[in-house]
Amino acid sequence: MERTIAQRDLRNDVAAILRDAEAGTRFTITVHGRPVARLLPLVASPPPRVDVDWATFMGIFETPVDGAFGADIDAGEASIDWDDEPEW
């Protein structure tokens, strides 16, 4: 749902407007009939971080790659001239 409200209405009834925004209503706020701002509900926050033990973390990197991909990686590493790296 979307509503247009005057700045004066926002000032006079901010609590009710914020409740409506929390419930999903989007607002366009006007000053002297001219749209100047939008008030939108916040999207759901991302899920909390989940820490894992070290063995699980390292297990992610032990996933085998297929032979062709592994060969491409080896060929790419072999073509690098490590002595030609820029010094930072």
C-alpha atoms as a PDB file:
ATOM      1  CA  MET A   1       0.000   0.000   0.000  1.00  0.00           C
ATOM      2  CA  GLU A   2       1.209   3.531  -0.741  1.00  0.00           C
ATOM      3  CA  ARG A   3       0.006   6.849   0.634  1.00  0.00           C
ATOM      4  CA  THR A   4       0.855  10.499   0.067  1.00  0.00           C
ATOM      5  CA  ILE A   5       0.910  12.673   3.163  1.00  0.00           C
ATOM      6  CA  ALA A   6       1.766  16.291   3.866  1.00  0.00           C
ATOM      7  CA  GLN A   7       4.752  17.113   6.051  1.00  0.00           C
ATOM      8  CA  ARG A   8       2.340  18.672   8.543  1.00  0.00           C
ATOM      9  CA  ASP A   9       0.480  15.322   8.881  1.00  0.00           C
ATOM     10  CA  LEU A  10       3.754  13.492   9.455  1.00  0.00           C
ATOM     11  CA  ARG A  11       4.721  15.998  12.162  1.00  0.00           C
ATOM     12  CA  ASN A  12       1.320  15.831  13.864  1.00  0.00           C
ATOM     13  CA  ASP A  13       0.845  12.044  13.786  1.00  0.00           C
ATOM     14  CA  VAL A  14       4.309  10.521  13.519  1.00  0.00           C
ATOM     15  CA  ALA A  15       3.563   7.568  15.837  1.00  0.00           C
ATOM     16  CA  ALA A  16       0.611   6.325  13.774  1.00  0.00           C
ATOM     17  CA  ILE A  17       2.478   6.853  10.504  1.00  0.00           C
ATOM     18  CA  LEU A  18       5.471   4.889  11.782  1.00  0.00           C
ATOM     19  CA  ARG A  19       3.161   2.057  12.870  1.00  0.00           C
ATOM     20  CA  ASP A  20       1.694   2.009   9.351  1.00  0.00           C
ATOM     21  CA  ALA A  21       5.200   2.007   7.844  1.00  0.00           C
ATOM     22  CA  GLU A  22       6.174  -0.885  10.093  1.00  0.00           C
ATOM     23  CA  ALA A  23       3.091  -2.727   8.799  1.00  0.00           C
ATOM     24  CA  GLY A  24       4.277  -2.236   5.206  1.00  0.00           C
ATOM     25  CA  THR A  25       2.800   1.092   4.046  1.00  0.00           C
ATOM     26  CA  ARG A  26       5.020   3.315   1.892  1.00  0.00           C
ATOM     27  CA  PHE A  27       4.644   7.064   2.131  1.00  0.00           C
ATOM     28  CA  THR A  28       5.442   9.969  -0.160  1.00  0.00           C
ATOM     29  CA  ILE A  29       5.835  13.104   1.932  1.00  0.00           C
ATOM     30  CA  THR A  30       4.968  16.460   0.404  1.00  0.00           C
ATOM     31  CA  VAL A  31       5.715  20.068   1.271  1.00  0.00           C
ATOM     32  CA  HIS A  32       3.229  22.548  -0.200  1.00  0.00           C
ATOM     33  CA  GLY A  33       1.973  19.753  -2.465  1.00  0.00           C
ATOM     34  CA  ARG A  34       5.432  18.952  -3.877  1.00  0.00           C
ATOM     35  CA  PRO A  35       6.835  15.450  -3.225  1.00  0.00           C
ATOM     36  CA  VAL A  36      10.114  15.737  -1.296  1.00  0.00           C
ATOM     37  CA  ALA A  37      10.744  12.432   0.485  1.00  0.00           C
ATOM     38  CA  ARG A  38       9.796   8.782   0.793  1.00  0.00           C
ATOM     39  CA  LEU A  39       9.216   6.847   4.000  1.00  0.00           C
ATOM     40  CA  LEU A  40       9.537   3.098   3.485  1.00  0.00           C
ATOM     41  CA  PRO A  41       9.361   0.090   5.775  1.00  0.00           C
ATOM     42  CA  LEU A  42      12.725  -1.479   6.501  1.00  0.00           C
ATOM     43  CA  VAL A  43      13.462  -4.796   4.872  1.00  0.00           C
ATOM     44  CA  ALA A  44      14.054  -7.722   7.143  1.00  0.00           C
ATOM     45  CA  SER A  45      17.533  -7.686   8.598  1.00  0.00           C
ATOM     46  CA  PRO A  46      19.939 -10.413   7.528  1.00  0.00           C
ATOM     47  CA  PRO A  47      20.101 -13.497   9.714  1.00  0.00           C
ATOM     48  CA  PRO A  48      22.613 -13.372  12.544  1.00  0.00           C
ATOM     49  CA  ARG A  49      26.117 -14.611  11.883  1.00  0.00           C
ATOM     50  CA  VAL A  50      26.674 -18.239  12.761  1.00  0.00           C
ATOM     51  CA  ASP A  51      30.143 -19.195  13.884  1.00  0.00           C
ATOM     52  CA  VAL A  52      31.421 -22.616  12.921  1.00  0.00           C
ATOM     53  CA  ASP A  53      34.256 -24.664  14.329  1.00  0.00           C
ATOM     54  CA  TRP A  54      37.630 -24.666  12.574  1.00  0.00           C
ATOM     55  CA  ALA A  55      37.264 -28.201  11.156  1.00  0.00           C
ATOM     56  CA  THR A  56      33.980 -27.311   9.454  1.00  0.00           C
ATOM     57  CA  PHE A  57      35.450 -24.090   8.085  1.00  0.00           C
ATOM     58  CA  MET A  58      38.487 -25.878   6.636  1.00  0.00           C
ATOM     59  CA  GLY A  59      36.274 -28.649   5.258  1.00  0.00           C
ATOM     60  CA  ILE A  60      34.705 -26.112   2.919  1.00  0.00           C
ATOM     61  CA  PHE A  61      38.091 -25.602   1.250  1.00  0.00           C
ATOM     62  CA  GLU A  62      38.770 -29.333   0.905  1.00  0.00           C
ATOM     63  CA  THR A  63      36.003 -29.777  -1.649  1.00  0.00           C
ATOM     64  CA  PRO A  64      37.533 -31.675  -4.585  1.00  0.00           C
ATOM     65  CA  VAL A  65      37.589 -30.043  -8.013  1.00  0.00           C
ATOM     66  CA  ASP A  66      37.224 -31.929 -11.245  1.00  0.00           C
ATOM     67  CA  GLY A  67      40.412 -32.839 -13.099  1.00  0.00           C
ATOM     68  CA  ALA A  68      40.001 -30.347 -15.947  1.00  0.00           C
ATOM     69  CA  PHE A  69      39.530 -27.429 -13.571  1.00  0.00           C
ATOM     70  CA  GLY A  70      42.521 -28.516 -11.503  1.00  0.00           C
ATOM     71  CA  ALA A  71      44.641 -28.720 -14.658  1.00  0.00           C
ATOM     72  CA  ASP A  72      43.562 -25.193 -15.653  1.00  0.00           C
ATOM     73  CA  ILE A  73      44.604 -23.896 -12.237  1.00  0.00           C
ATOM     74  CA  ASP A  74      47.976 -25.631 -12.459  1.00  0.00           C
ATOM     75  CA  ALA A  75      48.558 -24.275 -15.976  1.00  0.00           C
ATOM     76  CA  GLY A  76      47.673 -20.770 -14.870  1.00  0.00           C
ATOM     77  CA  GLU A  77      50.050 -20.906 -11.901  1.00  0.00           C
ATOM     78  CA  ALA A  78      52.819 -22.264 -14.118  1.00  0.00           C
ATOM     79  CA  SER A  79      52.474 -19.298 -16.479  1.00  0.00           C
ATOM     80  CA  ILE A  80      53.014 -16.689 -13.760  1.00  0.00           C
ATOM     81  CA  ASP A  81      56.430 -15.066 -13.637  1.00  0.00           C
ATOM     82  CA  TRP A  82      56.713 -14.576  -9.879  1.00  0.00           C
ATOM     83  CA  ASP A  83      59.886 -12.491 -10.304  1.00  0.00           C
ATOM     84  CA  ASP A  84      57.960  -9.956 -12.378  1.00  0.00           C
ATOM     85  CA  GLU A  85      55.529  -8.989  -9.595  1.00  0.00           C
ATOM     86  CA  PRO A  86      55.340  -5.253  -8.841  1.00  0.00           C
ATOM     87  CA  GLU A  87      56.750  -4.073  -5.545  1.00  0.00           C
ATOM     88  CA  TRP A  88      54.198  -2.166  -3.518  1.00  0.00           C
END
